[in-house]
PDB file of N, CA and C in Angstrom:
ATOM      1  N   MET A   1     -18.490  -4.456  -1.739  1.00  0.00           N
ATOM      2  CA  MET A   1     -17.172  -4.812  -2.254  1.00  0.00           C
ATOM      3  C   MET A   1     -16.225  -3.619  -2.094  1.00  0.00           C
ATOM      4  N   ALA A   2     -15.022  -3.885  -1.675  1.00  0.00           N
ATOM      5  CA  ALA A   2     -14.032  -2.835  -1.431  1.00  0.00           C
ATOM      6  C   ALA A   2     -13.527  -2.261  -2.753  1.00  0.00           C
ATOM      7  N   GLU A   3     -13.180  -0.980  -2.703  1.00  0.00           N
ATOM      8  CA  GLU A   3     -12.564  -0.325  -3.850  1.00  0.00           C
ATOM      9  C   GLU A   3     -11.213  -0.983  -4.115  1.00  0.00           C
ATOM     10  N   LYS A   4     -10.904  -1.215  -5.392  1.00  0.00           N
ATOM     11  CA  LYS A   4      -9.627  -1.835  -5.734  1.00  0.00           C
ATOM     12  C   LYS A   4      -8.487  -0.882  -5.383  1.00  0.00           C
ATOM     13  N   ILE A   5      -7.493  -1.423  -4.703  1.00  0.00           N
ATOM     14  CA  ILE A   5      -6.325  -0.640  -4.328  1.00  0.00           C
ATOM     15  C   ILE A   5      -5.408  -0.550  -5.534  1.00  0.00           C
ATOM     16  N   SER A   6      -4.990   0.679  -5.845  1.00  0.00           N
ATOM     17  CA  SER A   6      -4.085   0.886  -6.976  1.00  0.00           C
ATOM     18  C   SER A   6      -2.856   1.648  -6.500  1.00  0.00           C
ATOM     19  N   LYS A   7      -1.818   1.619  -7.313  1.00  0.00           N
ATOM     20  CA  LYS A   7      -0.571   2.291  -6.931  1.00  0.00           C
ATOM     21  C   LYS A   7      -0.710   3.802  -6.905  1.00  0.00           C
ATOM     22  N   GLU A   8      -1.810   4.326  -7.444  1.00  0.00           N
ATOM     23  CA  GLU A   8      -2.036   5.776  -7.445  1.00  0.00           C
ATOM     24  C   GLU A   8      -2.703   6.271  -6.165  1.00  0.00           C
ATOM     25  N   MET A   9      -3.177   5.359  -5.319  1.00  0.00           N
ATOM     26  CA  MET A   9      -3.835   5.764  -4.067  1.00  0.00           C
ATOM     27  C   MET A   9      -2.819   6.355  -3.100  1.00  0.00           C
ATOM     28  N   ALA A  10      -3.262   7.337  -2.340  1.00  0.00           N
ATOM     29  CA  ALA A  10      -2.407   7.897  -1.293  1.00  0.00           C
ATOM     30  C   ALA A  10      -2.253   6.858  -0.192  1.00  0.00           C
ATOM     31  N   LEU A  11      -1.043   6.737   0.314  1.00  0.00           N
ATOM     32  CA  LEU A  11      -0.760   5.755   1.365  1.00  0.00           C
ATOM     33  C   LEU A  11      -1.664   5.952   2.581  1.00  0.00           C
ATOM     34  N   GLY A  12      -1.777   7.173   3.037  1.00  0.00           N
ATOM     35  CA  GLY A  12      -2.576   7.459   4.222  1.00  0.00           C
ATOM     36  C   GLY A  12      -4.040   7.103   4.040  1.00  0.00           C
ATOM     37  N   GLU A  13      -4.592   7.430   2.876  1.00  0.00           N
ATOM     38  CA  GLU A  13      -5.992   7.118   2.574  1.00  0.00           C
ATOM     39  C   GLU A  13      -6.201   5.602   2.559  1.00  0.00           C
ATOM     40  N   MET A  14      -5.277   4.903   1.913  1.00  0.00           N
ATOM     41  CA  MET A  14      -5.400   3.461   1.784  1.00  0.00           C
ATOM     42  C   MET A  14      -5.351   2.782   3.154  1.00  0.00           C
ATOM     43  N   VAL A  15      -4.417   3.190   4.005  1.00  0.00           N
ATOM     44  CA  VAL A  15      -4.279   2.567   5.320  1.00  0.00           C
ATOM     45  C   VAL A  15      -5.479   2.890   6.214  1.00  0.00           C
ATOM     46  N   SER A  16      -6.021   4.103   6.091  1.00  0.00           N
ATOM     47  CA  SER A  16      -7.183   4.436   6.928  1.00  0.00           C
ATOM     48  C   SER A  16      -8.419   3.672   6.462  1.00  0.00           C
ATOM     49  N   LYS A  17      -8.570   3.463   5.162  1.00  0.00           N
ATOM     50  CA  LYS A  17      -9.710   2.704   4.644  1.00  0.00           C
ATOM     51  C   LYS A  17      -9.538   1.203   4.869  1.00  0.00           C
ATOM     52  N   TYR A  18      -8.309   0.727   4.721  1.00  0.00           N
ATOM     53  CA  TYR A  18      -8.030  -0.706   4.759  1.00  0.00           C
ATOM     54  C   TYR A  18      -6.866  -1.006   5.713  1.00  0.00           C
ATOM     55  N   PRO A  19      -7.100  -0.948   7.007  1.00  0.00           N
ATOM     56  CA  PRO A  19      -6.010  -1.150   7.966  1.00  0.00           C
ATOM     57  C   PRO A  19      -5.338  -2.519   7.857  1.00  0.00           C
ATOM     58  N   ASP A  20      -6.032  -3.511   7.302  1.00  0.00           N
ATOM     59  CA  ASP A  20      -5.443  -4.843   7.144  1.00  0.00           C
ATOM     60  C   ASP A  20      -4.271  -4.849   6.166  1.00  0.00           C
ATOM     61  N   THR A  21      -4.125  -3.780   5.389  1.00  0.00           N
ATOM     62  CA  THR A  21      -3.028  -3.732   4.417  1.00  0.00           C
ATOM     63  C   THR A  21      -1.702  -3.320   5.063  1.00  0.00           C
ATOM     64  N   GLY A  22      -1.745  -2.733   6.235  1.00  0.00           N
ATOM     65  CA  GLY A  22      -0.526  -2.280   6.909  1.00  0.00           C
ATOM     66  C   GLY A  22       0.518  -3.370   7.074  1.00  0.00           C
ATOM     67  N   PRO A  23       0.147  -4.527   7.639  1.00  0.00           N
ATOM     68  CA  PRO A  23       1.139  -5.600   7.797  1.00  0.00           C
ATOM     69  C   PRO A  23       1.715  -6.096   6.475  1.00  0.00           C
ATOM     70  N   ILE A  24       0.916  -6.064   5.429  1.00  0.00           N
ATOM     71  CA  ILE A  24       1.413  -6.493   4.111  1.00  0.00           C
ATOM     72  C   ILE A  24       2.484  -5.523   3.630  1.00  0.00           C
ATOM     73  N   MET A  25       2.230  -4.221   3.785  1.00  0.00           N
ATOM     74  CA  MET A  25       3.220  -3.224   3.375  1.00  0.00           C
ATOM     75  C   MET A  25       4.496  -3.372   4.191  1.00  0.00           C
ATOM     76  N   LEU A  26       4.350  -3.615   5.490  1.00  0.00           N
ATOM     77  CA  LEU A  26       5.521  -3.796   6.345  1.00  0.00           C
ATOM     78  C   LEU A  26       6.337  -5.007   5.901  1.00  0.00           C
ATOM     79  N   LYS A  27       5.657  -6.070   5.504  1.00  0.00           N
ATOM     80  CA  LYS A  27       6.323  -7.292   5.045  1.00  0.00           C
ATOM     81  C   LYS A  27       7.209  -7.009   3.825  1.00  0.00           C
ATOM     82  N   TYR A  28       6.773  -6.072   2.993  1.00  0.00           N
ATOM     83  CA  TYR A  28       7.528  -5.708   1.799  1.00  0.00           C
ATOM     84  C   TYR A  28       8.567  -4.614   2.069  1.00  0.00           C
ATOM     85  N   GLY A  29       8.715  -4.231   3.325  1.00  0.00           N
ATOM     86  CA  GLY A  29       9.712  -3.224   3.677  1.00  0.00           C
ATOM     87  C   GLY A  29       9.238  -1.798   3.501  1.00  0.00           C
ATOM     88  N   LEU A  30       7.943  -1.633   3.308  1.00  0.00           N
ATOM     89  CA  LEU A  30       7.373  -0.300   3.128  1.00  0.00           C
ATOM     90  C   LEU A  30       6.857   0.170   4.481  1.00  0.00           C
ATOM     91  N   HIS A  31       7.723   0.866   5.210  1.00  0.00           N
ATOM     92  CA  HIS A  31       7.421   1.251   6.588  1.00  0.00           C
ATOM     93  C   HIS A  31       6.828   2.642   6.705  1.00  0.00           C
ATOM     94  N   CYS A  32       6.320   3.182   5.605  1.00  0.00           N
ATOM     95  CA  CYS A  32       5.773   4.545   5.655  1.00  0.00           C
ATOM     96  C   CYS A  32       4.331   4.583   6.113  1.00  0.00           C
ATOM     97  N   VAL A  33       3.843   3.494   6.659  1.00  0.00           N
ATOM     98  CA  VAL A  33       2.465   3.436   7.110  1.00  0.00           C
ATOM     99  C   VAL A  33       2.133   4.601   8.044  1.00  0.00           C
ATOM    100  N   GLY A  34       3.005   4.898   8.981  1.00  0.00           N
ATOM    101  CA  GLY A  34       2.734   5.970   9.930  1.00  0.00           C
ATOM    102  C   GLY A  34       3.512   7.243   9.664  1.00  0.00           C
ATOM    103  N   CYS A  35       4.213   7.307   8.560  1.00  0.00           N
ATOM    104  CA  CYS A  35       5.049   8.465   8.224  1.00  0.00           C
ATOM    105  C   CYS A  35       4.181   9.666   7.859  1.00  0.00           C
ATOM    106  N   HIS A  36       4.656  10.853   8.177  1.00  0.00           N
ATOM    107  CA  HIS A  36       3.901  12.068   7.847  1.00  0.00           C
ATOM    108  C   HIS A  36       3.766  12.265   6.335  1.00  0.00           C
ATOM    109  N   VAL A  37       4.663  11.721   5.546  1.00  0.00           N
ATOM    110  CA  VAL A  37       4.611  11.841   4.089  1.00  0.00           C
ATOM    111  C   VAL A  37       3.475  10.994   3.517  1.00  0.00           C
ATOM    112  N   ALA A  38       3.046   9.981   4.251  1.00  0.00           N
ATOM    113  CA  ALA A  38       2.005   9.066   3.773  1.00  0.00           C
ATOM    114  C   ALA A  38       0.691   9.774   3.458  1.00  0.00           C
ATOM    115  N   ALA A  39       0.480  10.938   4.023  1.00  0.00           N
ATOM    116  CA  ALA A  39      -0.768  11.663   3.798  1.00  0.00           C
ATOM    117  C   ALA A  39      -0.929  12.092   2.339  1.00  0.00           C
ATOM    118  N   TYR A  40       0.167  12.331   1.646  1.00  0.00           N
ATOM    119  CA  TYR A  40       0.049  12.801   0.263  1.00  0.00           C
ATOM    120  C   TYR A  40       0.859  11.990  -0.748  1.00  0.00           C
ATOM    121  N   GLU A  41       1.679  11.061  -0.293  1.00  0.00           N
ATOM    122  CA  GLU A  41       2.481  10.252  -1.201  1.00  0.00           C
ATOM    123  C   GLU A  41       1.671   9.039  -1.652  1.00  0.00           C
ATOM    124  N   THR A  42       1.795   8.664  -2.938  1.00  0.00           N
ATOM    125  CA  THR A  42       1.075   7.502  -3.428  1.00  0.00           C
ATOM    126  C   THR A  42       1.802   6.224  -3.027  1.00  0.00           C
ATOM    127  N   ILE A  43       1.104   5.117  -3.144  1.00  0.00           N
ATOM    128  CA  ILE A  43       1.713   3.817  -2.865  1.00  0.00           C
ATOM    129  C   ILE A  43       2.946   3.633  -3.753  1.00  0.00           C
ATOM    130  N   GLU A  44       2.809   3.968  -5.030  1.00  0.00           N
ATOM    131  CA  GLU A  44       3.934   3.804  -5.953  1.00  0.00           C
ATOM    132  C   GLU A  44       5.118   4.686  -5.563  1.00  0.00           C
ATOM    133  N   GLN A  45       4.860   5.945  -5.224  1.00  0.00           N
ATOM    134  CA  GLN A  45       5.947   6.845  -4.833  1.00  0.00           C
ATOM    135  C   GLN A  45       6.671   6.334  -3.594  1.00  0.00           C
ATOM    136  N   GLY A  46       5.910   5.894  -2.601  1.00  0.00           N
ATOM    137  CA  GLY A  46       6.511   5.367  -1.381  1.00  0.00           C
ATOM    138  C   GLY A  46       7.314   4.106  -1.656  1.00  0.00           C
ATOM    139  N   ALA A  47       6.757   3.230  -2.475  1.00  0.00           N
ATOM    140  CA  ALA A  47       7.435   1.972  -2.789  1.00  0.00           C
ATOM    141  C   ALA A  47       8.728   2.218  -3.564  1.00  0.00           C
ATOM    142  N   LYS A  48       8.673   3.104  -4.543  1.00  0.00           N
ATOM    143  CA  LYS A  48       9.873   3.426  -5.333  1.00  0.00           C
ATOM    144  C   LYS A  48      10.938   4.080  -4.455  1.00  0.00           C
ATOM    145  N   ALA A  49      10.504   4.932  -3.528  1.00  0.00           N
ATOM    146  CA  ALA A  49      11.456   5.588  -2.624  1.00  0.00           C
ATOM    147  C   ALA A  49      12.172   4.567  -1.744  1.00  0.00           C
ATOM    148  N   HIS A  50      11.528   3.425  -1.531  1.00  0.00           N
ATOM    149  CA  HIS A  50      12.121   2.359  -0.722  1.00  0.00           C
ATOM    150  C   HIS A  50      12.779   1.281  -1.582  1.00  0.00           C
ATOM    151  N   GLY A  51      12.967   1.584  -2.867  1.00  0.00           N
ATOM    152  CA  GLY A  51      13.712   0.687  -3.743  1.00  0.00           C
ATOM    153  C   GLY A  51      12.937  -0.480  -4.313  1.00  0.00           C
ATOM    154  N   MET A  52      11.634  -0.448  -4.219  1.00  0.00           N
ATOM    155  CA  MET A  52      10.842  -1.551  -4.763  1.00  0.00           C
ATOM    156  C   MET A  52      10.761  -1.465  -6.284  1.00  0.00           C
ATOM    157  N   THR A  53      10.751  -2.619  -6.933  1.00  0.00           N
ATOM    158  CA  THR A  53      10.601  -2.684  -8.388  1.00  0.00           C
ATOM    159  C   THR A  53       9.117  -2.671  -8.748  1.00  0.00           C
ATOM    160  N   ASP A  54       8.833  -2.460 -10.028  1.00  0.00           N
ATOM    161  CA  ASP A  54       7.437  -2.513 -10.482  1.00  0.00           C
ATOM    162  C   ASP A  54       6.823  -3.876 -10.184  1.00  0.00           C
ATOM    163  N   GLU A  55       7.619  -4.933 -10.342  1.00  0.00           N
ATOM    164  CA  GLU A  55       7.124  -6.287 -10.066  1.00  0.00           C
ATOM    165  C   GLU A  55       6.786  -6.453  -8.587  1.00  0.00           C
ATOM    166  N   ASP A  56       7.646  -5.915  -7.708  1.00  0.00           N
ATOM    167  CA  ASP A  56       7.380  -5.974  -6.262  1.00  0.00           C
ATOM    168  C   ASP A  56       6.087  -5.231  -5.929  1.00  0.00           C
ATOM    169  N   ILE A  57       5.916  -4.077  -6.529  1.00  0.00           N
ATOM    170  CA  ILE A  57       4.728  -3.256  -6.269  1.00  0.00           C
ATOM    171  C   ILE A  57       3.475  -4.009  -6.712  1.00  0.00           C
ATOM    172  N   ASP A  58       3.524  -4.593  -7.909  1.00  0.00           N
ATOM    173  CA  ASP A  58       2.370  -5.339  -8.411  1.00  0.00           C
ATOM    174  C   ASP A  58       2.023  -6.519  -7.505  1.00  0.00           C
ATOM    175  N   LYS A  59       3.033  -7.223  -7.046  1.00  0.00           N
ATOM    176  CA  LYS A  59       2.822  -8.368  -6.158  1.00  0.00           C
ATOM    177  C   LYS A  59       2.208  -7.914  -4.834  1.00  0.00           C
ATOM    178  N   MET A  60       2.737  -6.822  -4.276  1.00  0.00           N
ATOM    179  CA  MET A  60       2.214  -6.280  -3.019  1.00  0.00           C
ATOM    180  C   MET A  60       0.755  -5.840  -3.193  1.00  0.00           C
ATOM    181  N   LEU A  61       0.450  -5.142  -4.297  1.00  0.00           N
ATOM    182  CA  LEU A  61      -0.921  -4.691  -4.548  1.00  0.00           C
ATOM    183  C   LEU A  61      -1.872  -5.875  -4.672  1.00  0.00           C
ATOM    184  N   GLU A  62      -1.414  -6.929  -5.313  1.00  0.00           N
ATOM    185  CA  GLU A  62      -2.238  -8.127  -5.454  1.00  0.00           C
ATOM    186  C   GLU A  62      -2.568  -8.711  -4.075  1.00  0.00           C
ATOM    187  N   GLU A  63      -1.582  -8.788  -3.210  1.00  0.00           N
ATOM    188  CA  GLU A  63      -1.805  -9.293  -1.843  1.00  0.00           C
ATOM    189  C   GLU A  63      -2.757  -8.389  -1.066  1.00  0.00           C
ATOM    190  N   MET A  64      -2.569  -7.075  -1.204  1.00  0.00           N
ATOM    191  CA  MET A  64      -3.420  -6.142  -0.472  1.00  0.00           C
ATOM    192  C   MET A  64      -4.866  -6.242  -0.959  1.00  0.00           C
ATOM    193  N   ASN A  65      -5.068  -6.348  -2.267  1.00  0.00           N
ATOM    194  CA  ASN A  65      -6.425  -6.459  -2.796  1.00  0.00           C
ATOM    195  C   ASN A  65      -7.081  -7.764  -2.355  1.00  0.00           C
ATOM    196  N   LYS A  66      -6.328  -8.841  -2.279  1.00  0.00           N
ATOM    197  CA  LYS A  66      -6.888 -10.109  -1.780  1.00  0.00           C
ATOM    198  C   LYS A  66      -7.303  -9.958  -0.320  1.00  0.00           C
ATOM    199  N   ALA A  67      -6.501  -9.253   0.456  1.00  0.00           N
ATOM    200  CA  ALA A  67      -6.806  -9.053   1.874  1.00  0.00           C
ATOM    201  C   ALA A  67      -8.100  -8.257   2.062  1.00  0.00           C
ATOM    202  N   VAL A  68      -8.305  -7.220   1.257  1.00  0.00           N
ATOM    203  CA  VAL A  68      -9.512  -6.399   1.432  1.00  0.00           C
ATOM    204  C   VAL A  68     -10.747  -7.042   0.813  1.00  0.00           C
ATOM    205  N   GLU A  69     -10.567  -7.954  -0.125  1.00  0.00           N
ATOM    206  CA  GLU A  69     -11.707  -8.664  -0.695  1.00  0.00           C
ATOM    207  C   GLU A  69     -12.393  -9.545   0.340  1.00  0.00           C
ATOM    208  N   LYS A  70     -11.628  -9.997   1.328  1.00  0.00           N
ATOM    209  CA  LYS A  70     -12.160 -10.869   2.383  1.00  0.00           C
ATOM    210  C   LYS A  70     -13.095 -10.129   3.326  1.00  0.00           C
ATOM    211  N   ASP A  71     -12.957  -8.794   3.383  1.00  0.00           N
ATOM    212  CA  ASP A  71     -13.771  -7.981   4.312  1.00  0.00           C
ATOM    213  C   ASP A  71     -15.220  -7.912   3.877  1.00  0.00           C
TER     214      ASP A  71
END
């Protein structure tokens, strides 16, 4: 079973562990998948920097966790 993705995870770590989450992040306008900041910025920090609300972040995390559960 995959580790649950949380908003505290580093973007770079999450994308390298779970590449299927990249398209989901892009769908939400979070284009930092390949950004150099992704190596140390958390999902929450990246999402907030792109204007996402807490509700948007929670919804995105829910989708990402569903995607990795299928693996």
